[in-house]
Amino acid sequence: MIKLSPSILSADFANLQRDIAIAVDAGAEYVHVDCMDGHFVPNLTIGAPVVKALRKATDATLDVHLMISNPDQYLDDFIKAGSDIITVHYEANGDTLAQVRKIKEAGVRACVSIKPGTPADVLLPLLPELDMVLIMTVEPVVIFFYKPCDFFLQAFHIFLHQCKCLRVKLLFLCIV
């Protein structure tokens, strides 16, 4: 199943509703909302108040990706704001399984993301609880020394390796 989920980080922030409508009209079913705290990743982006405003502006699925150090501190805010999917990072602080369960108990779909350097194995115990997995293709840091093409190719190879590892382990679990 393939779903288009364009990130609103690429949108004009003064015209988010318009840009989301353009994406949805073009076939996007999800709207990916990257929420960054300036600690877990170096950038500072959007919080729950923007998600709440987006909920009023679109019926599209709001796919909220929390790239934040302490998701426990903000989960309730993002749930109340109207997120349809909430992604927490395995590498963030707190008990990832407890975070997933809290999200699901609120009636929201739960996703866990891993960075390229995190082995896909860490997801195996969580899979029965998850609606989705997000495997990052790049470390969420500012990188200046790669040519874009070289960086993309390196990141894509890491991504493919992680997907293959996870797929093999899932097949093994199904056979056993």
N, C-alpha and C. Protein backbone atom coordinates (compact mmCIF):
# COMPACT_ATOMS: atom_id res chain seq x y z
N MET A 1 0.85 -1.17 0.00
CA MET A 1 0.00 0.00 0.00
C MET A 1 0.89 1.24 0.00
N ILE A 2 0.67 2.11 -0.93
CA ILE A 2 1.45 3.34 -1.04
C ILE A 2 0.53 4.52 -0.75
N LYS A 3 0.98 5.38 0.16
CA LYS A 3 0.24 6.59 0.50
C LYS A 3 1.19 7.76 0.34
N LEU A 4 0.73 8.81 -0.30
CA LEU A 4 1.53 10.03 -0.43
C LEU A 4 1.35 10.86 0.83
N SER A 5 2.47 11.31 1.41
CA SER A 5 2.43 12.10 2.63
C SER A 5 3.45 13.24 2.53
N PRO A 6 3.13 14.28 1.74
CA PRO A 6 4.08 15.38 1.60
C PRO A 6 4.24 16.14 2.92
N SER A 7 5.46 16.59 3.17
CA SER A 7 5.76 17.33 4.38
C SER A 7 5.37 18.79 4.22
N ILE A 8 4.74 19.33 5.24
CA ILE A 8 4.39 20.76 5.18
C ILE A 8 5.61 21.65 5.37
N LEU A 9 6.75 21.06 5.70
CA LEU A 9 7.97 21.88 5.77
C LEU A 9 8.31 22.48 4.42
N SER A 10 7.77 21.87 3.36
CA SER A 10 8.01 22.38 2.01
C SER A 10 6.97 23.42 1.61
N ALA A 11 6.00 23.66 2.47
CA ALA A 11 4.91 24.59 2.15
C ALA A 11 5.29 26.03 2.50
N ASP A 12 4.47 26.93 2.01
CA ASP A 12 4.57 28.34 2.37
C ASP A 12 3.82 28.49 3.70
N PHE A 13 4.53 28.78 4.79
CA PHE A 13 3.91 28.83 6.11
C PHE A 13 2.84 29.90 6.23
N ALA A 14 2.89 30.91 5.39
CA ALA A 14 1.84 31.93 5.40
C ALA A 14 0.59 31.46 4.67
N ASN A 15 0.70 30.31 3.98
CA ASN A 15 -0.43 29.78 3.21
C ASN A 15 -0.55 28.27 3.35
N LEU A 16 -0.46 27.78 4.58
CA LEU A 16 -0.49 26.33 4.80
C LEU A 16 -1.79 25.69 4.30
N GLN A 17 -2.91 26.31 4.57
CA GLN A 17 -4.19 25.74 4.15
C GLN A 17 -4.23 25.60 2.62
N ARG A 18 -3.81 26.63 1.92
CA ARG A 18 -3.79 26.59 0.45
C ARG A 18 -2.86 25.49 -0.05
N ASP A 19 -1.66 25.41 0.51
CA ASP A 19 -0.68 24.43 0.04
C ASP A 19 -1.10 23.01 0.36
N ILE A 20 -1.74 22.80 1.49
CA ILE A 20 -2.26 21.47 1.82
C ILE A 20 -3.37 21.09 0.84
N ALA A 21 -4.23 22.03 0.52
CA ALA A 21 -5.30 21.76 -0.44
C ALA A 21 -4.72 21.39 -1.81
N ILE A 22 -3.66 22.05 -2.22
CA ILE A 22 -3.00 21.72 -3.49
C ILE A 22 -2.47 20.30 -3.45
N ALA A 23 -1.82 19.94 -2.34
CA ALA A 23 -1.26 18.58 -2.21
C ALA A 23 -2.36 17.53 -2.21
N VAL A 24 -3.44 17.79 -1.49
CA VAL A 24 -4.55 16.84 -1.43
C VAL A 24 -5.21 16.71 -2.80
N ASP A 25 -5.42 17.83 -3.48
CA ASP A 25 -6.00 17.79 -4.83
C ASP A 25 -5.11 17.02 -5.80
N ALA A 26 -3.80 16.99 -5.53
CA ALA A 26 -2.86 16.27 -6.39
C ALA A 26 -2.77 14.78 -6.03
N GLY A 27 -3.48 14.36 -4.98
CA GLY A 27 -3.50 12.94 -4.63
C GLY A 27 -2.95 12.56 -3.28
N ALA A 28 -2.45 13.51 -2.52
CA ALA A 28 -1.92 13.20 -1.19
C ALA A 28 -3.08 12.83 -0.26
N GLU A 29 -2.93 11.71 0.44
CA GLU A 29 -3.94 11.31 1.42
C GLU A 29 -3.54 11.73 2.83
N TYR A 30 -2.25 11.84 3.05
CA TYR A 30 -1.71 12.23 4.34
C TYR A 30 -1.01 13.56 4.20
N VAL A 31 -0.90 14.28 5.30
CA VAL A 31 -0.08 15.48 5.38
C VAL A 31 0.93 15.22 6.48
N HIS A 32 2.21 15.20 6.11
CA HIS A 32 3.27 14.91 7.07
C HIS A 32 3.68 16.19 7.78
N VAL A 33 3.58 16.16 9.11
CA VAL A 33 3.87 17.34 9.92
C VAL A 33 5.11 17.05 10.77
N ASP A 34 6.26 17.62 10.40
CA ASP A 34 7.51 17.42 11.12
C ASP A 34 7.58 18.39 12.29
N CYS A 35 7.53 17.84 13.50
CA CYS A 35 7.61 18.65 14.72
C CYS A 35 8.98 18.44 15.35
N MET A 36 9.81 19.48 15.35
CA MET A 36 11.19 19.39 15.84
C MET A 36 11.39 20.38 16.98
N ASP A 37 12.13 19.92 18.01
CA ASP A 37 12.26 20.72 19.23
C ASP A 37 13.57 21.49 19.37
N GLY A 38 14.48 21.37 18.41
CA GLY A 38 15.75 22.05 18.52
C GLY A 38 16.74 21.33 19.43
N HIS A 39 16.33 20.19 20.01
CA HIS A 39 17.21 19.39 20.87
C HIS A 39 17.48 18.03 20.24
N PHE A 40 16.42 17.29 19.98
CA PHE A 40 16.55 15.97 19.34
C PHE A 40 17.15 16.12 17.95
N VAL A 41 16.74 17.18 17.29
CA VAL A 41 17.30 17.59 16.01
C VAL A 41 17.64 19.08 16.12
N PRO A 42 18.55 19.57 15.29
CA PRO A 42 18.97 20.97 15.46
C PRO A 42 17.92 22.01 15.06
N ASN A 43 16.93 21.62 14.30
CA ASN A 43 15.93 22.58 13.84
C ASN A 43 14.78 22.70 14.84
N LEU A 44 14.12 23.84 14.81
CA LEU A 44 12.93 24.11 15.61
C LEU A 44 11.81 24.40 14.62
N THR A 45 10.74 23.61 14.68
CA THR A 45 9.67 23.82 13.70
C THR A 45 8.32 24.05 14.38
N ILE A 46 7.41 23.13 14.21
CA ILE A 46 6.00 23.32 14.53
C ILE A 46 5.62 22.59 15.82
N GLY A 47 4.66 23.15 16.54
CA GLY A 47 4.14 22.51 17.74
C GLY A 47 2.67 22.18 17.61
N ALA A 48 2.08 21.74 18.70
CA ALA A 48 0.69 21.32 18.73
C ALA A 48 -0.30 22.41 18.30
N PRO A 49 -0.06 23.70 18.61
CA PRO A 49 -1.02 24.72 18.15
C PRO A 49 -1.17 24.77 16.62
N VAL A 50 -0.09 24.52 15.90
CA VAL A 50 -0.18 24.50 14.43
C VAL A 50 -0.95 23.26 13.98
N VAL A 51 -0.70 22.12 14.62
CA VAL A 51 -1.46 20.90 14.29
C VAL A 51 -2.95 21.14 14.52
N LYS A 52 -3.29 21.79 15.62
CA LYS A 52 -4.70 22.10 15.91
C LYS A 52 -5.31 22.98 14.81
N ALA A 53 -4.57 23.96 14.34
CA ALA A 53 -5.05 24.83 13.25
C ALA A 53 -5.18 24.04 11.95
N LEU A 54 -4.22 23.15 11.69
CA LEU A 54 -4.29 22.33 10.47
C LEU A 54 -5.51 21.41 10.50
N ARG A 55 -5.82 20.88 11.67
CA ARG A 55 -6.99 19.99 11.79
C ARG A 55 -8.25 20.70 11.33
N LYS A 56 -8.36 21.97 11.64
CA LYS A 56 -9.52 22.76 11.23
C LYS A 56 -9.49 23.06 9.73
N ALA A 57 -8.31 23.02 9.14
CA ALA A 57 -8.13 23.43 7.75
C ALA A 57 -8.23 22.28 6.75
N THR A 58 -8.16 21.02 7.22
CA THR A 58 -8.17 19.90 6.28
C THR A 58 -8.76 18.64 6.91
N ASP A 59 -9.34 17.82 6.05
CA ASP A 59 -9.81 16.50 6.47
C ASP A 59 -8.77 15.43 6.17
N ALA A 60 -7.67 15.81 5.54
CA ALA A 60 -6.61 14.85 5.23
C ALA A 60 -6.03 14.28 6.52
N THR A 61 -5.47 13.11 6.44
CA THR A 61 -4.83 12.47 7.58
C THR A 61 -3.60 13.27 7.99
N LEU A 62 -3.57 13.70 9.25
CA LEU A 62 -2.42 14.43 9.78
C LEU A 62 -1.44 13.43 10.38
N ASP A 63 -0.34 13.27 9.70
CA ASP A 63 0.74 12.33 10.04
C ASP A 63 1.81 13.13 10.78
N VAL A 64 1.75 13.12 12.11
CA VAL A 64 2.58 14.00 12.93
C VAL A 64 3.83 13.27 13.41
N HIS A 65 4.98 13.74 12.98
CA HIS A 65 6.28 13.11 13.26
C HIS A 65 7.00 13.91 14.33
N LEU A 66 7.05 13.36 15.55
CA LEU A 66 7.67 14.04 16.67
C LEU A 66 9.17 13.76 16.72
N MET A 67 9.94 14.69 16.24
CA MET A 67 11.40 14.61 16.35
C MET A 67 11.79 15.47 17.54
N ILE A 68 11.39 14.97 18.72
CA ILE A 68 11.57 15.73 19.96
C ILE A 68 12.19 14.81 21.02
N SER A 69 12.95 15.40 21.92
CA SER A 69 13.66 14.63 22.93
C SER A 69 12.74 13.97 23.94
N ASN A 70 11.68 14.66 24.36
CA ASN A 70 10.80 14.16 25.42
C ASN A 70 9.35 14.08 24.96
N PRO A 71 9.02 13.06 24.17
CA PRO A 71 7.65 12.97 23.67
C PRO A 71 6.60 12.86 24.78
N ASP A 72 6.95 12.25 25.91
CA ASP A 72 5.98 12.12 27.01
C ASP A 72 5.43 13.47 27.45
N GLN A 73 6.26 14.49 27.37
CA GLN A 73 5.87 15.83 27.81
C GLN A 73 4.81 16.45 26.89
N TYR A 74 4.73 15.98 25.63
CA TYR A 74 3.86 16.65 24.66
C TYR A 74 2.81 15.75 24.00
N LEU A 75 2.82 14.46 24.29
CA LEU A 75 1.88 13.56 23.62
C LEU A 75 0.44 14.02 23.78
N ASP A 76 0.03 14.36 24.98
CA ASP A 76 -1.37 14.78 25.19
C ASP A 76 -1.72 15.98 24.32
N ASP A 77 -0.79 16.93 24.20
CA ASP A 77 -1.05 18.13 23.39
C ASP A 77 -1.28 17.76 21.92
N PHE A 78 -0.45 16.86 21.39
CA PHE A 78 -0.59 16.48 19.98
C PHE A 78 -1.82 15.61 19.76
N ILE A 79 -2.18 14.81 20.74
CA ILE A 79 -3.41 14.01 20.64
C ILE A 79 -4.62 14.94 20.61
N LYS A 80 -4.68 15.87 21.56
CA LYS A 80 -5.81 16.81 21.65
C LYS A 80 -5.88 17.73 20.43
N ALA A 81 -4.75 17.99 19.81
CA ALA A 81 -4.71 18.89 18.64
C ALA A 81 -5.36 18.27 17.41
N GLY A 82 -5.55 16.94 17.41
CA GLY A 82 -6.22 16.31 16.28
C GLY A 82 -5.33 15.49 15.36
N SER A 83 -4.19 15.06 15.86
CA SER A 83 -3.31 14.19 15.06
C SER A 83 -4.02 12.88 14.75
N ASP A 84 -3.88 12.41 13.52
CA ASP A 84 -4.43 11.10 13.15
C ASP A 84 -3.40 9.99 13.35
N ILE A 85 -2.14 10.32 13.13
CA ILE A 85 -1.02 9.40 13.32
C ILE A 85 0.03 10.18 14.10
N ILE A 86 0.62 9.55 15.12
CA ILE A 86 1.73 10.18 15.82
C ILE A 86 2.92 9.22 15.77
N THR A 87 4.04 9.76 15.31
CA THR A 87 5.29 9.01 15.24
C THR A 87 6.22 9.51 16.34
N VAL A 88 6.71 8.55 17.15
CA VAL A 88 7.74 8.86 18.14
C VAL A 88 9.02 8.17 17.70
N HIS A 89 10.14 8.69 18.15
CA HIS A 89 11.43 8.09 17.81
C HIS A 89 11.86 7.11 18.88
N TYR A 90 12.33 5.96 18.43
CA TYR A 90 12.87 4.96 19.34
C TYR A 90 14.01 5.56 20.16
N GLU A 91 14.79 6.45 19.55
CA GLU A 91 15.97 7.02 20.20
C GLU A 91 15.63 8.15 21.19
N ALA A 92 14.39 8.60 21.23
CA ALA A 92 14.00 9.69 22.13
C ALA A 92 13.92 9.17 23.58
N ASN A 93 13.82 10.10 24.51
CA ASN A 93 13.70 9.73 25.92
C ASN A 93 12.36 9.07 26.21
N GLY A 94 12.36 8.24 27.23
CA GLY A 94 11.12 7.61 27.68
C GLY A 94 10.97 6.19 27.18
N ASP A 95 9.89 5.56 27.61
CA ASP A 95 9.56 4.18 27.27
C ASP A 95 8.75 4.18 25.97
N THR A 96 9.37 3.76 24.88
CA THR A 96 8.72 3.82 23.57
C THR A 96 7.42 3.02 23.55
N LEU A 97 7.42 1.82 24.13
CA LEU A 97 6.21 1.00 24.15
C LEU A 97 5.09 1.70 24.91
N ALA A 98 5.41 2.30 26.03
CA ALA A 98 4.39 3.03 26.81
C ALA A 98 3.85 4.21 26.00
N GLN A 99 4.73 4.88 25.26
CA GLN A 99 4.29 6.00 24.42
C GLN A 99 3.34 5.51 23.33
N VAL A 100 3.70 4.40 22.70
CA VAL A 100 2.84 3.82 21.65
C VAL A 100 1.48 3.47 22.22
N ARG A 101 1.47 2.83 23.36
CA ARG A 101 0.19 2.43 23.99
C ARG A 101 -0.66 3.64 24.35
N LYS A 102 -0.04 4.70 24.83
CA LYS A 102 -0.78 5.92 25.17
C LYS A 102 -1.42 6.51 23.91
N ILE A 103 -0.66 6.54 22.84
CA ILE A 103 -1.18 7.06 21.57
C ILE A 103 -2.38 6.24 21.12
N LYS A 104 -2.25 4.92 21.14
CA LYS A 104 -3.32 4.05 20.66
C LYS A 104 -4.56 4.11 21.57
N GLU A 105 -4.34 4.20 22.88
CA GLU A 105 -5.47 4.32 23.82
C GLU A 105 -6.30 5.56 23.55
N ALA A 106 -5.67 6.58 22.97
CA ALA A 106 -6.38 7.82 22.64
C ALA A 106 -7.09 7.73 21.29
N GLY A 107 -6.99 6.56 20.63
CA GLY A 107 -7.65 6.39 19.34
C GLY A 107 -6.86 6.94 18.16
N VAL A 108 -5.58 7.16 18.37
CA VAL A 108 -4.70 7.70 17.33
C VAL A 108 -3.79 6.57 16.85
N ARG A 109 -3.49 6.54 15.56
CA ARG A 109 -2.57 5.52 15.04
C ARG A 109 -1.15 5.82 15.50
N ALA A 110 -0.41 4.75 15.81
CA ALA A 110 0.93 4.90 16.38
C ALA A 110 2.00 4.41 15.41
N CYS A 111 3.08 5.16 15.35
CA CYS A 111 4.22 4.84 14.50
C CYS A 111 5.48 5.06 15.31
N VAL A 112 6.50 4.25 15.04
CA VAL A 112 7.82 4.46 15.63
C VAL A 112 8.82 4.64 14.50
N SER A 113 9.71 5.60 14.68
CA SER A 113 10.74 5.88 13.70
C SER A 113 12.10 5.51 14.28
N ILE A 114 12.99 5.08 13.38
CA ILE A 114 14.38 4.87 13.77
C ILE A 114 15.27 5.66 12.82
N LYS A 115 16.40 6.09 13.36
CA LYS A 115 17.42 6.76 12.56
C LYS A 115 18.21 5.72 11.79
N PRO A 116 18.92 6.11 10.74
CA PRO A 116 19.67 5.14 9.93
C PRO A 116 20.67 4.29 10.72
N GLY A 117 21.25 4.83 11.76
CA GLY A 117 22.24 4.09 12.53
C GLY A 117 21.66 3.14 13.56
N THR A 118 20.36 3.14 13.73
CA THR A 118 19.71 2.26 14.71
C THR A 118 19.33 0.96 14.02
N PRO A 119 19.73 -0.18 14.59
CA PRO A 119 19.38 -1.46 13.96
C PRO A 119 17.86 -1.66 13.92
N ALA A 120 17.37 -2.18 12.82
CA ALA A 120 15.93 -2.41 12.66
C ALA A 120 15.39 -3.40 13.69
N ASP A 121 16.27 -4.23 14.26
CA ASP A 121 15.84 -5.24 15.25
C ASP A 121 15.08 -4.62 16.42
N VAL A 122 15.41 -3.38 16.77
CA VAL A 122 14.78 -2.75 17.93
C VAL A 122 13.26 -2.62 17.75
N LEU A 123 12.81 -2.66 16.50
CA LEU A 123 11.38 -2.52 16.22
C LEU A 123 10.60 -3.81 16.43
N LEU A 124 11.27 -4.94 16.38
CA LEU A 124 10.57 -6.23 16.42
C LEU A 124 9.62 -6.38 17.60
N PRO A 125 10.03 -6.09 18.84
CA PRO A 125 9.10 -6.26 19.95
C PRO A 125 7.93 -5.28 19.91
N LEU A 126 8.09 -4.18 19.17
CA LEU A 126 7.06 -3.15 19.10
C LEU A 126 6.04 -3.40 17.99
N LEU A 127 6.41 -4.17 16.98
CA LEU A 127 5.59 -4.32 15.78
C LEU A 127 4.13 -4.69 16.04
N PRO A 128 3.83 -5.61 16.96
CA PRO A 128 2.41 -5.94 17.17
C PRO A 128 1.55 -4.76 17.60
N GLU A 129 2.18 -3.73 18.16
CA GLU A 129 1.45 -2.56 18.65
C GLU A 129 1.36 -1.43 17.62
N LEU A 130 2.16 -1.51 16.55
CA LEU A 130 2.31 -0.39 15.63
C LEU A 130 1.38 -0.44 14.44
N ASP A 131 1.01 0.74 13.98
CA ASP A 131 0.25 0.88 12.75
C ASP A 131 1.17 1.17 11.57
N MET A 132 2.37 1.65 11.89
CA MET A 132 3.28 2.06 10.84
C MET A 132 4.69 2.15 11.42
N VAL A 133 5.69 2.00 10.56
CA VAL A 133 7.09 2.18 10.92
C VAL A 133 7.68 3.20 9.96
N LEU A 134 8.53 4.09 10.49
CA LEU A 134 9.21 5.08 9.66
C LEU A 134 10.71 4.87 9.82
N ILE A 135 11.38 4.52 8.73
CA ILE A 135 12.82 4.36 8.76
C ILE A 135 13.43 5.59 8.10
N MET A 136 14.14 6.38 8.89
CA MET A 136 14.73 7.61 8.39
C MET A 136 15.83 7.26 7.38
N THR A 137 15.95 8.07 6.35
CA THR A 137 17.01 7.85 5.36
C THR A 137 18.24 8.70 5.65
N VAL A 138 18.10 9.69 6.52
CA VAL A 138 19.23 10.53 6.90
C VAL A 138 19.19 10.77 8.40
N GLU A 139 20.37 10.94 8.98
CA GLU A 139 20.43 11.35 10.38
C GLU A 139 19.89 12.77 10.45
N PRO A 140 19.03 13.04 11.40
CA PRO A 140 18.47 14.39 11.49
C PRO A 140 19.47 15.38 12.09
N VAL A 141 20.48 15.71 11.31
CA VAL A 141 21.49 16.69 11.70
C VAL A 141 21.78 17.57 10.49
N VAL A 142 22.39 18.69 10.73
CA VAL A 142 22.76 19.57 9.62
C VAL A 142 24.08 19.06 9.04
N ILE A 143 24.09 18.79 7.74
CA ILE A 143 25.28 18.26 7.08
C ILE A 143 25.64 19.18 5.92
N PHE A 144 26.88 19.64 5.90
CA PHE A 144 27.32 20.57 4.87
C PHE A 144 28.34 19.98 3.91
N PHE A 145 28.94 18.84 4.24
CA PHE A 145 30.09 18.37 3.50
C PHE A 145 29.78 17.36 2.40
N TYR A 146 28.55 16.99 2.18
CA TYR A 146 28.19 16.05 1.12
C TYR A 146 27.66 16.80 -0.09
N LYS A 147 27.99 16.28 -1.26
CA LYS A 147 27.27 16.74 -2.44
C LYS A 147 25.88 16.10 -2.33
N PRO A 148 24.82 16.80 -2.68
CA PRO A 148 23.48 16.25 -2.51
C PRO A 148 23.30 14.85 -3.10
N CYS A 149 23.83 14.61 -4.29
CA CYS A 149 23.66 13.31 -4.93
C CYS A 149 24.35 12.21 -4.13
N ASP A 150 25.58 12.46 -3.69
CA ASP A 150 26.31 11.47 -2.90
C ASP A 150 25.58 11.18 -1.59
N PHE A 151 25.09 12.24 -0.95
CA PHE A 151 24.39 12.08 0.31
C PHE A 151 23.12 11.26 0.13
N PHE A 152 22.36 11.55 -0.92
CA PHE A 152 21.13 10.80 -1.18
C PHE A 152 21.43 9.33 -1.41
N LEU A 153 22.44 9.04 -2.22
CA LEU A 153 22.76 7.64 -2.51
C LEU A 153 23.19 6.89 -1.26
N GLN A 154 24.01 7.52 -0.43
CA GLN A 154 24.42 6.88 0.82
C GLN A 154 23.20 6.62 1.70
N ALA A 155 22.36 7.61 1.84
CA ALA A 155 21.18 7.48 2.69
C ALA A 155 20.24 6.41 2.15
N PHE A 156 20.06 6.35 0.85
CA PHE A 156 19.15 5.37 0.26
C PHE A 156 19.67 3.95 0.47
N HIS A 157 20.98 3.75 0.36
CA HIS A 157 21.56 2.42 0.60
C HIS A 157 21.33 1.99 2.05
N ILE A 158 21.49 2.89 2.99
CA ILE A 158 21.23 2.57 4.40
C ILE A 158 19.76 2.22 4.59
N PHE A 159 18.88 3.02 3.99
CA PHE A 159 17.44 2.78 4.08
C PHE A 159 17.08 1.40 3.54
N LEU A 160 17.59 1.05 2.36
CA LEU A 160 17.30 -0.27 1.78
C LEU A 160 17.79 -1.39 2.67
N HIS A 161 18.98 -1.23 3.23
CA HIS A 161 19.53 -2.24 4.13
C HIS A 161 18.62 -2.44 5.34
N GLN A 162 18.17 -1.34 5.95
CA GLN A 162 17.29 -1.44 7.12
C GLN A 162 15.98 -2.13 6.75
N CYS A 163 15.41 -1.79 5.61
CA CYS A 163 14.15 -2.41 5.17
C CYS A 163 14.34 -3.90 4.94
N LYS A 164 15.45 -4.27 4.29
CA LYS A 164 15.71 -5.69 4.04
C LYS A 164 15.88 -6.45 5.35
N CYS A 165 16.61 -5.88 6.30
CA CYS A 165 16.82 -6.54 7.59
C CYS A 165 15.48 -6.76 8.30
N LEU A 166 14.66 -5.74 8.32
CA LEU A 166 13.36 -5.85 8.98
C LEU A 166 12.48 -6.87 8.28
N ARG A 167 12.49 -6.86 6.96
CA ARG A 167 11.66 -7.79 6.19
C ARG A 167 12.08 -9.24 6.44
N VAL A 168 13.38 -9.50 6.42
CA VAL A 168 13.88 -10.85 6.67
C VAL A 168 13.47 -11.32 8.06
N LYS A 169 13.60 -10.46 9.05
CA LYS A 169 13.25 -10.83 10.42
C LYS A 169 11.75 -11.07 10.55
N LEU A 170 10.95 -10.29 9.87
CA LEU A 170 9.51 -10.50 9.90
C LEU A 170 9.13 -11.82 9.25
N LEU A 171 9.75 -12.13 8.11
CA LEU A 171 9.48 -13.40 7.45
C LEU A 171 9.86 -14.57 8.35
N PHE A 172 11.01 -14.45 9.01
CA PHE A 172 11.46 -15.50 9.91
C PHE A 172 10.45 -15.69 11.05
N LEU A 173 9.95 -14.59 11.62
CA LEU A 173 8.99 -14.69 12.71
C LEU A 173 7.69 -15.35 12.25
N CYS A 174 7.29 -15.09 11.01
CA CYS A 174 6.05 -15.66 10.49
C CYS A 174 6.20 -17.16 10.22
N ILE A 175 7.39 -17.59 9.86
CA ILE A 175 7.62 -18.99 9.54
C ILE A 175 7.75 -19.82 10.81
N VAL A 176 8.36 -19.28 11.83
CA VAL A 176 8.62 -20.04 13.04
C VAL A 176 7.36 -20.39 13.78
